[in-house]
């Protein structure tokens, strides 16, 4: 049947749950009669041998996952995550603009510069948007660095931590 390459970076598998998920994917694919192989950075030259590539790594245009995606596309291999999606989704502001242009319904959203991170802004946003505020760190992935703030102090503290990681 099909040949599936699962591109992973070892550093992105940080928990037993993540490891179990990719192992289960390979098991299910094999049970359905497909070949499923794990590919790592040194294996990128093998990408053209597959019918499809699934990327399970940090997707950023500056990471190897983007190179794997572009390599697959150049060889006509179907790929999840495709390079256009990587470019759009790695930048939360860019992704937001694409969602707005496509009329995708979403909660009210605000983007803040680090200079706007104050308890006073947190108080204003809580009054304007309600509690809790959902804070997402810039340039994060795998739904990591998402936290809830219910007070202006929490807003400031969480925001400060997220901006520190963004540098």
Foldseek 3Di string as FASTA:
>chain_A
DFEEEEEEEVVLQDDPVSVVVVVVVCVVCVVVPYHYYYDYLVRLVCLLVGQEYEYDYQQACVDVSLVSQVSCVVSVHHYPPHNVCSHQPQFVVSVVVVCVVVVPDDADDDDDDPVCQALVVVVVCCVVRNPWDWDAAHRDDPPPLIDTDGHSVSSNVSSVVSVVVVD
